[in-house]
Protein backbone atom coordinates (compact mmCIF):
# COMPACT_ATOMS: atom_id res chain seq x y z
CA MET A 1 29.14 64.33 -13.46
CA PRO A 2 27.70 60.82 -12.90
CA TYR A 3 29.67 58.42 -10.76
CA GLY A 4 27.49 55.35 -11.29
CA ILE A 5 24.29 53.62 -10.39
CA LEU A 6 23.42 51.86 -7.12
CA SER A 7 21.11 48.99 -8.08
CA ASN A 8 18.47 47.36 -5.92
CA LEU A 9 18.88 49.78 -3.01
CA GLN A 10 16.19 49.22 -0.39
CA VAL A 11 14.30 52.27 0.74
CA GLU A 12 11.90 52.07 3.69
CA LEU A 13 9.28 54.72 4.25
CA GLY A 14 6.06 54.55 6.21
CA GLY A 15 6.37 50.83 6.76
CA LYS A 16 6.82 50.06 3.04
CA THR A 17 10.14 48.81 1.65
CA ILE A 18 10.89 48.90 -2.05
CA GLU A 19 14.03 48.42 -4.13
CA ILE A 20 15.02 51.18 -6.56
CA GLU A 21 18.08 52.35 -8.49
CA PHE A 22 19.94 55.55 -7.57
CA GLU A 23 22.23 57.44 -9.90
CA VAL A 24 25.10 58.93 -7.94
CA ILE A 25 26.24 62.33 -9.20
CA ASP A 26 28.56 65.12 -8.10
CA GLY A 27 26.57 68.32 -8.13
CA ASN A 28 25.51 71.30 -6.02
CA LEU A 29 21.88 70.32 -5.35
CA ASP A 30 19.31 71.45 -2.85
CA TYR A 31 18.25 67.86 -2.10
CA ASN A 32 20.09 64.72 -0.93
CA ILE A 33 18.04 62.47 -3.23
CA LEU A 34 15.49 62.91 -5.97
CA LEU A 35 12.70 60.33 -6.07
CA GLY A 36 11.41 59.83 -9.60
CA ARG A 37 8.59 58.02 -11.35
CA PRO A 38 9.78 54.45 -10.59
CA TRP A 39 9.64 55.24 -6.85
CA ILE A 40 6.26 57.01 -7.13
CA TYR A 41 4.73 54.05 -9.02
CA ALA A 42 6.21 51.45 -6.62
CA MET A 43 4.84 53.33 -3.61
CA ALA A 44 1.42 53.93 -5.25
CA ALA A 45 2.01 57.51 -4.31
CA ILE A 46 0.03 60.68 -5.21
CA VAL A 47 2.16 63.80 -5.79
CA SER A 48 0.92 67.35 -5.47
CA THR A 49 3.31 69.95 -6.75
CA TYR A 50 0.90 72.71 -5.69
CA PHE A 51 0.89 71.66 -2.01
CA ARG A 52 4.48 70.23 -2.21
CA LYS A 53 3.18 66.97 -0.70
CA ILE A 54 3.49 63.24 -1.47
CA ALA A 55 0.92 60.81 -0.05
CA PHE A 56 0.99 56.99 -0.17
CA PRO A 57 -0.83 54.11 1.45
CA SER A 58 0.94 52.12 4.18
CA LYS A 59 -0.11 48.99 6.12
CA VAL A 60 -2.01 51.05 8.68
CA GLU A 61 -2.95 54.45 7.22
CA LEU A 62 -2.28 56.98 4.53
CA GLN A 63 1.24 58.50 4.98
CA SER A 64 2.31 61.84 3.74
CA LEU A 65 5.57 63.72 3.22
CA THR A 66 5.82 67.52 3.03
CA ASN A 67 8.70 69.84 2.29
């Protein structure tokens, strides 16, 4: 059940800050947030589902997130 949308919420990761929208829902999920295509495009990220890894450029170096 959706509660609403948080607009222009700033997310900082690896020295980069972008504004995205979050849809707030009530559900039994394994994750706290799901980052979709708008976030991936804004971060210039590369996603690997095989390695379960996200990499994106930062001001200093290439950053990566793993699960």
